[in-house]
Amino acid sequence: MSRITGIDRRLNPPRSYASKVADILRDEIQRGVFRPGERLPTEVVLSETFGVSRAVIREAIFALKQDGILESYQGRGIFVAEAPPELTFRLAHAELNDSDEIDRVFEFLLAHEAAAASLAAERRTPADLERIHGALEAIDAAIRCGENGIEQDMAFHSEILAATKNHLFVSFGAFLENRVRHVIREARTNSSRKGLTRQVQDEHRAIFEAISAGDKDAARIAAETHLKNAAQRLRVYRTPE
C-alpha cells in the first residue's frame, strides 16, 4: 500500500476528502500503479492508508465506478476496469464551495434540461402529462407538510425526461442526477429555509404549463429560467451574510 501517496491535509483545498481520494486513485491507475484487472485493497486498508473513514472511501470508489474506472464484483472486491476509462464520459462531483464549478455544472444542466423540456412539449402524451402533473402536485403536498420536496422535485424532472421518448435523455439524466444530486439537494433545502419554495414551484408550474400547451419554445425558456434562478439562489446561499 506504500504505492498510494495519501492525502496532504496541509493544503486543505476546497474539495471533499472523497474527491481527493478519488483523484489520487485515478492518478495511480492512469500511471499504471494499479493495472487493468487488478484488485484494489480493501476499504479497511484504504481507510487506514488515507486516514479517512470507510464512508469517504466508499464515496470515492462510487465516483470512480460511475466514471467506468473501477468495477465491483460481489464477494470478490473492487477491480480496475479492463476497458479504457477514456471510453466513459466523466463528470466529477461538483464541490458546493467552488463557485466556478457550480456555474459550469448548472450551465451543463441547463442545456440538458432545456432541450428535454422542449422535446417533451413536442412529444408528450396525455399519460405523460398526467404523470408530470402528478409529480408537480406531489411537490405541493411535500411543501404543505413542511418538507423540502427534493425527491418529488427529482421525480418531476424525471417525468419530463421520460416524455422526450428518447432513452438517452432518460439514462443521461439519471447519470447527471447521481453526480449533482447533492448540489440540487442543497439548493432545494436552502430554498425551503429561505421561504422560496413557492417561487421554485411557480417555476416548475411554468414548465408544466408550457409542456401541456405543446409550446416547445416556451418550455425551453421556462426550463432555462428555472435553472438560471436555481444557480443564482445557490450562489446567494453560499455567500456569507
C-alpha atoms as a PDB file:
ATOM      1  CA  MET A   1       0.000   0.000   0.000  1.00  0.00           C
ATOM      2  CA  SER A   2       3.029   2.264   0.006  1.00  0.00           C
ATOM      3  CA  ARG A   3       2.204   2.804  -3.651  1.00  0.00           C
ATOM      4  CA  ILE A   4      -0.598   5.193  -2.700  1.00  0.00           C
ATOM      5  CA  THR A   5       0.563   8.693  -1.913  1.00  0.00           C
ATOM      6  CA  GLY A   6      -2.230   9.619   0.509  1.00  0.00           C
ATOM      7  CA  ILE A   7      -3.851  12.978   1.214  1.00  0.00           C
ATOM      8  CA  ASP A   8      -1.862  16.089   2.025  1.00  0.00           C
ATOM      9  CA  ARG A   9      -4.105  17.600   4.681  1.00  0.00           C
ATOM     10  CA  ARG A  10      -1.863  20.666   4.975  1.00  0.00           C
ATOM     11  CA  LEU A  11      -3.130  22.017   1.654  1.00  0.00           C
ATOM     12  CA  ASN A  12      -6.762  21.879   2.778  1.00  0.00           C
ATOM     13  CA  PRO A  13      -8.142  22.736  -0.710  1.00  0.00           C
ATOM     14  CA  PRO A  14     -11.875  23.434  -1.134  1.00  0.00           C
ATOM     15  CA  ARG A  15     -12.655  19.840  -2.100  1.00  0.00           C
ATOM     16  CA  SER A  16     -14.108  16.957  -0.109  1.00  0.00           C
ATOM     17  CA  TYR A  17     -11.835  14.180   1.089  1.00  0.00           C
ATOM     18  CA  ALA A  18     -13.766  11.731  -1.092  1.00  0.00           C
ATOM     19  CA  SER A  19     -12.976  13.809  -4.178  1.00  0.00           C
ATOM     20  CA  LYS A  20      -9.305  13.959  -3.243  1.00  0.00           C
ATOM     21  CA  VAL A  21      -9.141  10.213  -2.602  1.00  0.00           C
ATOM     22  CA  ALA A  22     -10.810   9.570  -5.980  1.00  0.00           C
ATOM     23  CA  ASP A  23      -8.335  11.897  -7.719  1.00  0.00           C
ATOM     24  CA  ILE A  24      -5.349  10.151  -6.142  1.00  0.00           C
ATOM     25  CA  LEU A  25      -6.627   6.667  -7.024  1.00  0.00           C
ATOM     26  CA  ARG A  26      -7.467   7.829 -10.551  1.00  0.00           C
ATOM     27  CA  ASP A  27      -3.934   9.165 -10.957  1.00  0.00           C
ATOM     28  CA  GLU A  28      -2.410   5.927  -9.631  1.00  0.00           C
ATOM     29  CA  ILE A  29      -4.475   3.912 -12.102  1.00  0.00           C
ATOM     30  CA  GLN A  30      -3.626   6.173 -15.033  1.00  0.00           C
ATOM     31  CA  ARG A  31       0.080   5.886 -14.192  1.00  0.00           C
ATOM     32  CA  GLY A  32      -0.164   2.108 -14.107  1.00  0.00           C
ATOM     33  CA  VAL A  33       0.379   1.699 -10.382  1.00  0.00           C
ATOM     34  CA  PHE A  34      -2.829  -0.309 -10.412  1.00  0.00           C
ATOM     35  CA  ARG A  35      -3.275  -2.134 -13.712  1.00  0.00           C
ATOM     36  CA  PRO A  36      -6.462  -3.169 -15.580  1.00  0.00           C
ATOM     37  CA  GLY A  37      -7.998  -6.186 -13.893  1.00  0.00           C
ATOM     38  CA  GLU A  38      -6.070  -5.690 -10.672  1.00  0.00           C
ATOM     39  CA  ARG A  39      -7.927  -5.795  -7.384  1.00  0.00           C
ATOM     40  CA  LEU A  40      -7.794  -2.733  -5.146  1.00  0.00           C
ATOM     41  CA  PRO A  41      -7.006  -3.024  -1.431  1.00  0.00           C
ATOM     42  CA  THR A  42      -9.999  -3.421   0.861  1.00  0.00           C
ATOM     43  CA  GLU A  43     -11.992  -0.499   2.234  1.00  0.00           C
ATOM     44  CA  VAL A  44     -10.384  -1.041   5.627  1.00  0.00           C
ATOM     45  CA  VAL A  45      -6.861  -0.857   4.219  1.00  0.00           C
ATOM     46  CA  LEU A  46      -7.661   2.177   2.049  1.00  0.00           C
ATOM     47  CA  SER A  47      -9.299   3.892   5.016  1.00  0.00           C
ATOM     48  CA  GLU A  48      -6.197   3.374   7.154  1.00  0.00           C
ATOM     49  CA  THR A  49      -3.870   4.433   4.338  1.00  0.00           C
ATOM     50  CA  PHE A  50      -5.671   7.695   3.614  1.00  0.00           C
ATOM     51  CA  GLY A  51      -6.620   8.393   7.223  1.00  0.00           C
ATOM     52  CA  VAL A  52     -10.291   8.825   6.388  1.00  0.00           C
ATOM     53  CA  SER A  53     -13.487   6.965   7.207  1.00  0.00           C
ATOM     54  CA  ARG A  54     -14.744   3.991   5.243  1.00  0.00           C
ATOM     55  CA  ALA A  55     -17.734   6.116   4.185  1.00  0.00           C
ATOM     56  CA  VAL A  56     -15.306   8.503   2.448  1.00  0.00           C
ATOM     57  CA  ILE A  57     -13.606   5.566   0.726  1.00  0.00           C
ATOM     58  CA  ARG A  58     -16.961   4.199  -0.436  1.00  0.00           C
ATOM     59  CA  GLU A  59     -17.917   7.592  -1.876  1.00  0.00           C
ATOM     60  CA  ALA A  60     -14.593   7.846  -3.733  1.00  0.00           C
ATOM     61  CA  ILE A  61     -14.943   4.319  -5.111  1.00  0.00           C
ATOM     62  CA  PHE A  62     -18.528   5.025  -6.156  1.00  0.00           C
ATOM     63  CA  ALA A  63     -17.344   8.072  -8.124  1.00  0.00           C
ATOM     64  CA  LEU A  64     -14.681   6.003  -9.913  1.00  0.00           C
ATOM     65  CA  LYS A  65     -17.238   3.285 -10.659  1.00  0.00           C
ATOM     66  CA  GLN A  66     -19.511   5.936 -12.172  1.00  0.00           C
ATOM     67  CA  ASP A  67     -16.588   7.001 -14.356  1.00  0.00           C
ATOM     68  CA  GLY A  68     -16.095   3.409 -15.523  1.00  0.00           C
ATOM     69  CA  ILE A  69     -12.637   3.240 -13.961  1.00  0.00           C
ATOM     70  CA  LEU A  70     -13.492   0.664 -11.295  1.00  0.00           C
ATOM     71  CA  GLU A  71     -15.781  -2.361 -11.300  1.00  0.00           C
ATOM     72  CA  SER A  72     -17.174  -4.255  -8.307  1.00  0.00           C
ATOM     73  CA  TYR A  73     -17.911  -7.963  -8.101  1.00  0.00           C
ATOM     74  CA  GLN A  74     -19.984  -9.434  -5.291  1.00  0.00           C
ATOM     75  CA  GLY A  75     -17.776 -11.375  -2.910  1.00  0.00           C
ATOM     76  CA  ARG A  76     -14.590 -10.593  -4.837  1.00  0.00           C
ATOM     77  CA  GLY A  77     -13.966  -6.902  -4.295  1.00  0.00           C
ATOM     78  CA  ILE A  78     -13.223  -3.803  -6.360  1.00  0.00           C
ATOM     79  CA  PHE A  79     -11.139  -4.103  -9.542  1.00  0.00           C
ATOM     80  CA  VAL A  80      -9.632  -1.711 -12.059  1.00  0.00           C
ATOM     81  CA  ALA A  81     -11.812  -1.904 -15.178  1.00  0.00           C
ATOM     82  CA  GLU A  82     -10.403  -3.758 -18.173  1.00  0.00           C
ATOM     83  CA  ALA A  83     -11.985  -1.275 -20.638  1.00  0.00           C
ATOM     84  CA  PRO A  84     -10.162   2.045 -21.103  1.00  0.00           C
ATOM     85  CA  PRO A  85     -11.814   4.745 -18.965  1.00  0.00           C
ATOM     86  CA  GLU A  86     -11.417   7.174 -21.857  1.00  0.00           C
ATOM     87  CA  LEU A  87     -14.442   5.480 -23.388  1.00  0.00           C
ATOM     88  CA  THR A  88     -16.597   6.622 -20.470  1.00  0.00           C
ATOM     89  CA  PHE A  89     -17.953  10.123 -20.056  1.00  0.00           C
ATOM     90  CA  ARG A  90     -16.621  11.700 -16.892  1.00  0.00           C
ATOM     91  CA  LEU A  91     -18.172  14.337 -14.664  1.00  0.00           C
ATOM     92  CA  ALA A  92     -16.547  14.932 -11.313  1.00  0.00           C
ATOM     93  CA  HIS A  93     -18.745  15.555  -8.289  1.00  0.00           C
ATOM     94  CA  ALA A  94     -19.232  19.307  -8.025  1.00  0.00           C
ATOM     95  CA  GLU A  95     -17.980  20.959  -4.869  1.00  0.00           C
ATOM     96  CA  LEU A  96     -20.509  23.285  -3.262  1.00  0.00           C
ATOM     97  CA  ASN A  97     -17.862  25.812  -2.232  1.00  0.00           C
ATOM     98  CA  ASP A  98     -16.343  26.030  -5.711  1.00  0.00           C
ATOM     99  CA  SER A  99     -18.471  28.752  -7.331  1.00  0.00           C
ATOM    100  CA  ASP A 100     -16.839  28.390 -10.755  1.00  0.00           C
ATOM    101  CA  GLU A 101     -17.522  24.653 -10.787  1.00  0.00           C
ATOM    102  CA  ILE A 102     -21.119  25.187  -9.673  1.00  0.00           C
ATOM    103  CA  ASP A 103     -21.605  27.624 -12.565  1.00  0.00           C
ATOM    104  CA  ARG A 104     -20.237  25.048 -15.014  1.00  0.00           C
ATOM    105  CA  VAL A 105     -22.498  22.336 -13.616  1.00  0.00           C
ATOM    106  CA  PHE A 106     -25.623  24.467 -13.917  1.00  0.00           C
ATOM    107  CA  GLU A 107     -24.624  25.579 -17.419  1.00  0.00           C
ATOM    108  CA  PHE A 108     -24.388  21.920 -18.372  1.00  0.00           C
ATOM    109  CA  LEU A 109     -27.662  21.049 -16.637  1.00  0.00           C
ATOM    110  CA  LEU A 110     -29.380  23.977 -18.325  1.00  0.00           C
ATOM    111  CA  ALA A 111     -28.517  22.727 -21.805  1.00  0.00           C
ATOM    112  CA  HIS A 112     -29.766  19.221 -20.983  1.00  0.00           C
ATOM    113  CA  GLU A 113     -32.955  20.192 -19.128  1.00  0.00           C
ATOM    114  CA  ALA A 114     -33.956  22.932 -21.597  1.00  0.00           C
ATOM    115  CA  ALA A 115     -33.621  20.584 -24.562  1.00  0.00           C
ATOM    116  CA  ALA A 116     -35.585  17.907 -22.692  1.00  0.00           C
ATOM    117  CA  ALA A 117     -38.417  20.299 -21.851  1.00  0.00           C
ATOM    118  CA  SER A 118     -38.647  21.382 -25.478  1.00  0.00           C
ATOM    119  CA  LEU A 119     -38.818  17.780 -26.728  1.00  0.00           C
ATOM    120  CA  ALA A 120     -41.331  16.877 -24.019  1.00  0.00           C
ATOM    121  CA  ALA A 121     -43.621  19.692 -25.173  1.00  0.00           C
ATOM    122  CA  GLU A 122     -43.448  18.308 -28.686  1.00  0.00           C
ATOM    123  CA  ARG A 123     -43.852  14.604 -27.884  1.00  0.00           C
ATOM    124  CA  ARG A 124     -45.793  14.313 -24.609  1.00  0.00           C
ATOM    125  CA  THR A 125     -48.864  12.134 -24.456  1.00  0.00           C
ATOM    126  CA  PRO A 126     -51.896  12.576 -22.180  1.00  0.00           C
ATOM    127  CA  ALA A 127     -50.401   9.907 -19.919  1.00  0.00           C
ATOM    128  CA  ASP A 128     -47.111  11.810 -19.761  1.00  0.00           C
ATOM    129  CA  LEU A 129     -48.933  14.997 -18.791  1.00  0.00           C
ATOM    130  CA  GLU A 130     -50.796  13.145 -16.069  1.00  0.00           C
ATOM    131  CA  ARG A 131     -47.542  11.832 -14.588  1.00  0.00           C
ATOM    132  CA  ILE A 132     -45.785  15.200 -14.785  1.00  0.00           C
ATOM    133  CA  HIS A 133     -48.773  16.910 -13.190  1.00  0.00           C
ATOM    134  CA  GLY A 134     -48.876  14.221 -10.505  1.00  0.00           C
ATOM    135  CA  ALA A 135     -45.231  14.910  -9.681  1.00  0.00           C
ATOM    136  CA  LEU A 136     -46.000  18.631  -9.533  1.00  0.00           C
ATOM    137  CA  GLU A 137     -48.824  18.025  -7.079  1.00  0.00           C
ATOM    138  CA  ALA A 138     -46.546  15.780  -5.019  1.00  0.00           C
ATOM    139  CA  ILE A 139     -44.163  18.722  -4.583  1.00  0.00           C
ATOM    140  CA  ASP A 140     -47.109  20.844  -3.403  1.00  0.00           C
ATOM    141  CA  ALA A 141     -48.040  18.150  -0.903  1.00  0.00           C
ATOM    142  CA  ALA A 142     -44.479  17.994   0.417  1.00  0.00           C
ATOM    143  CA  ILE A 143     -44.412  21.771   0.847  1.00  0.00           C
ATOM    144  CA  ARG A 144     -47.678  21.655   2.805  1.00  0.00           C
ATOM    145  CA  CYS A 145     -46.136  19.063   5.108  1.00  0.00           C
ATOM    146  CA  GLY A 146     -43.111  21.266   5.715  1.00  0.00           C
ATOM    147  CA  GLU A 147     -40.750  19.013   3.774  1.00  0.00           C
ATOM    148  CA  ASN A 148     -38.123  20.219   1.272  1.00  0.00           C
ATOM    149  CA  GLY A 149     -39.623  18.125  -1.557  1.00  0.00           C
ATOM    150  CA  ILE A 150     -36.276  17.070  -3.022  1.00  0.00           C
ATOM    151  CA  GLU A 151     -37.408  13.573  -4.031  1.00  0.00           C
ATOM    152  CA  GLN A 152     -40.614  14.916  -5.561  1.00  0.00           C
ATOM    153  CA  ASP A 153     -38.592  17.584  -7.377  1.00  0.00           C
ATOM    154  CA  MET A 154     -36.375  14.878  -8.857  1.00  0.00           C
ATOM    155  CA  ALA A 155     -39.437  12.885  -9.902  1.00  0.00           C
ATOM    156  CA  PHE A 156     -40.904  15.924 -11.665  1.00  0.00           C
ATOM    157  CA  HIS A 157     -37.813  16.403 -13.799  1.00  0.00           C
ATOM    158  CA  SER A 158     -37.532  12.656 -14.417  1.00  0.00           C
ATOM    159  CA  GLU A 159     -41.071  12.534 -15.792  1.00  0.00           C
ATOM    160  CA  ILE A 160     -40.197  15.351 -18.197  1.00  0.00           C
ATOM    161  CA  LEU A 161     -37.188  13.373 -19.399  1.00  0.00           C
ATOM    162  CA  ALA A 162     -39.410  10.331 -19.922  1.00  0.00           C
ATOM    163  CA  ALA A 163     -41.787  12.433 -22.024  1.00  0.00           C
ATOM    164  CA  THR A 164     -38.975  13.116 -24.533  1.00  0.00           C
ATOM    165  CA  LYS A 165     -39.379   9.489 -25.723  1.00  0.00           C
ATOM    166  CA  ASN A 166     -35.591   9.397 -26.008  1.00  0.00           C
ATOM    167  CA  HIS A 167     -33.931   6.799 -23.779  1.00  0.00           C
ATOM    168  CA  LEU A 168     -30.611   8.660 -23.995  1.00  0.00           C
ATOM    169  CA  PHE A 169     -32.135  11.695 -22.281  1.00  0.00           C
ATOM    170  CA  VAL A 170     -33.505   9.406 -19.573  1.00  0.00           C
ATOM    171  CA  SER A 171     -30.275   7.485 -18.934  1.00  0.00           C
ATOM    172  CA  PHE A 172     -28.072  10.559 -19.121  1.00  0.00           C
ATOM    173  CA  GLY A 173     -30.470  12.376 -16.812  1.00  0.00           C
ATOM    174  CA  ALA A 174     -30.043   9.583 -14.253  1.00  0.00           C
ATOM    175  CA  PHE A 175     -26.274   9.880 -14.616  1.00  0.00           C
ATOM    176  CA  LEU A 176     -26.403  13.641 -14.040  1.00  0.00           C
ATOM    177  CA  GLU A 177     -28.687  13.191 -11.049  1.00  0.00           C
ATOM    178  CA  ASN A 178     -26.175  10.847  -9.409  1.00  0.00           C
ATOM    179  CA  ARG A 179     -23.341  13.306  -9.949  1.00  0.00           C
ATOM    180  CA  VAL A 180     -25.034  16.544  -8.904  1.00  0.00           C
ATOM    181  CA  ARG A 181     -27.816  15.356  -6.575  1.00  0.00           C
ATOM    182  CA  HIS A 182     -26.053  16.948  -3.597  1.00  0.00           C
ATOM    183  CA  VAL A 183     -25.998  20.318  -5.402  1.00  0.00           C
ATOM    184  CA  ILE A 184     -29.723  20.145  -6.168  1.00  0.00           C
ATOM    185  CA  ARG A 185     -30.449  18.955  -2.632  1.00  0.00           C
ATOM    186  CA  GLU A 186     -28.545  21.917  -1.198  1.00  0.00           C
ATOM    187  CA  ALA A 187     -30.394  24.371  -3.444  1.00  0.00           C
ATOM    188  CA  ARG A 188     -33.758  22.858  -2.548  1.00  0.00           C
ATOM    189  CA  THR A 189     -33.013  22.762   1.180  1.00  0.00           C
ATOM    190  CA  ASN A 190     -31.946  26.394   1.174  1.00  0.00           C
ATOM    191  CA  SER A 191     -34.995  27.392  -0.856  1.00  0.00           C
ATOM    192  CA  SER A 192     -37.108  25.869   1.891  1.00  0.00           C
ATOM    193  CA  ARG A 193     -35.110  27.586   4.615  1.00  0.00           C
ATOM    194  CA  LYS A 194     -35.345  30.953   2.872  1.00  0.00           C
ATOM    195  CA  GLY A 195     -39.072  30.600   2.249  1.00  0.00           C
ATOM    196  CA  LEU A 196     -38.705  30.433  -1.526  1.00  0.00           C
ATOM    197  CA  THR A 197     -40.351  27.065  -2.120  1.00  0.00           C
ATOM    198  CA  ARG A 198     -43.363  28.760  -3.691  1.00  0.00           C
ATOM    199  CA  GLN A 199     -41.159  30.638  -6.150  1.00  0.00           C
ATOM    200  CA  VAL A 200     -39.445  27.405  -7.126  1.00  0.00           C
ATOM    201  CA  GLN A 201     -42.806  25.717  -7.530  1.00  0.00           C
ATOM    202  CA  ASP A 202     -44.074  28.570  -9.704  1.00  0.00           C
ATOM    203  CA  GLU A 203     -41.101  27.929 -11.988  1.00  0.00           C
ATOM    204  CA  HIS A 204     -41.983  24.235 -12.120  1.00  0.00           C
ATOM    205  CA  ARG A 205     -45.569  25.104 -12.933  1.00  0.00           C
ATOM    206  CA  ALA A 206     -44.467  27.356 -15.807  1.00  0.00           C
ATOM    207  CA  ILE A 207     -42.516  24.447 -17.270  1.00  0.00           C
ATOM    208  CA  PHE A 208     -45.508  22.122 -16.952  1.00  0.00           C
ATOM    209  CA  GLU A 209     -47.931  24.601 -18.490  1.00  0.00           C
ATOM    210  CA  ALA A 210     -45.662  25.141 -21.499  1.00  0.00           C
ATOM    211  CA  ILE A 211     -45.278  21.383 -21.998  1.00  0.00           C
ATOM    212  CA  SER A 212     -49.020  20.902 -21.572  1.00  0.00           C
ATOM    213  CA  ALA A 213     -49.667  23.584 -24.221  1.00  0.00           C
ATOM    214  CA  GLY A 214     -47.264  21.869 -26.584  1.00  0.00           C
ATOM    215  CA  ASP A 215     -45.219  25.069 -26.826  1.00  0.00           C
ATOM    216  CA  LYS A 216     -41.645  23.799 -27.147  1.00  0.00           C
ATOM    217  CA  ASP A 217     -40.098  27.292 -27.255  1.00  0.00           C
ATOM    218  CA  ALA A 218     -41.906  28.365 -24.087  1.00  0.00           C
ATOM    219  CA  ALA A 219     -40.950  25.078 -22.417  1.00  0.00           C
ATOM    220  CA  ARG A 220     -37.296  25.616 -23.245  1.00  0.00           C
ATOM    221  CA  ILE A 221     -37.386  29.187 -21.916  1.00  0.00           C
ATOM    222  CA  ALA A 222     -39.188  28.121 -18.730  1.00  0.00           C
ATOM    223  CA  ALA A 223     -36.624  25.382 -18.077  1.00  0.00           C
ATOM    224  CA  GLU A 224     -33.749  27.774 -18.753  1.00  0.00           C
ATOM    225  CA  THR A 225     -35.258  30.342 -16.381  1.00  0.00           C
ATOM    226  CA  HIS A 226     -35.670  27.707 -13.670  1.00  0.00           C
ATOM    227  CA  LEU A 227     -32.050  26.522 -13.900  1.00  0.00           C
ATOM    228  CA  LYS A 228     -30.646  30.050 -14.063  1.00  0.00           C
ATOM    229  CA  ASN A 229     -32.666  31.025 -10.995  1.00  0.00           C
ATOM    230  CA  ALA A 230     -31.594  27.846  -9.187  1.00  0.00           C
ATOM    231  CA  ALA A 231     -27.942  28.653  -9.875  1.00  0.00           C
ATOM    232  CA  GLN A 232     -28.428  32.188  -8.609  1.00  0.00           C
ATOM    233  CA  ARG A 233     -30.204  31.007  -5.470  1.00  0.00           C
ATOM    234  CA  LEU A 234     -27.418  28.569  -4.685  1.00  0.00           C
ATOM    235  CA  ARG A 235     -24.802  31.237  -5.343  1.00  0.00           C
ATOM    236  CA  VAL A 236     -26.540  33.579  -2.907  1.00  0.00           C
ATOM    237  CA  TYR A 237     -26.910  30.835  -0.297  1.00  0.00           C
ATOM    238  CA  ARG A 238     -23.195  30.052  -0.433  1.00  0.00           C
ATOM    239  CA  THR A 239     -22.236  33.702   0.114  1.00  0.00           C
ATOM    240  CA  PRO A 240     -21.641  34.530   3.793  1.00  0.00           C
ATOM    241  CA  GLU A 241     -24.061  37.112   5.132  1.00  0.00           C
END
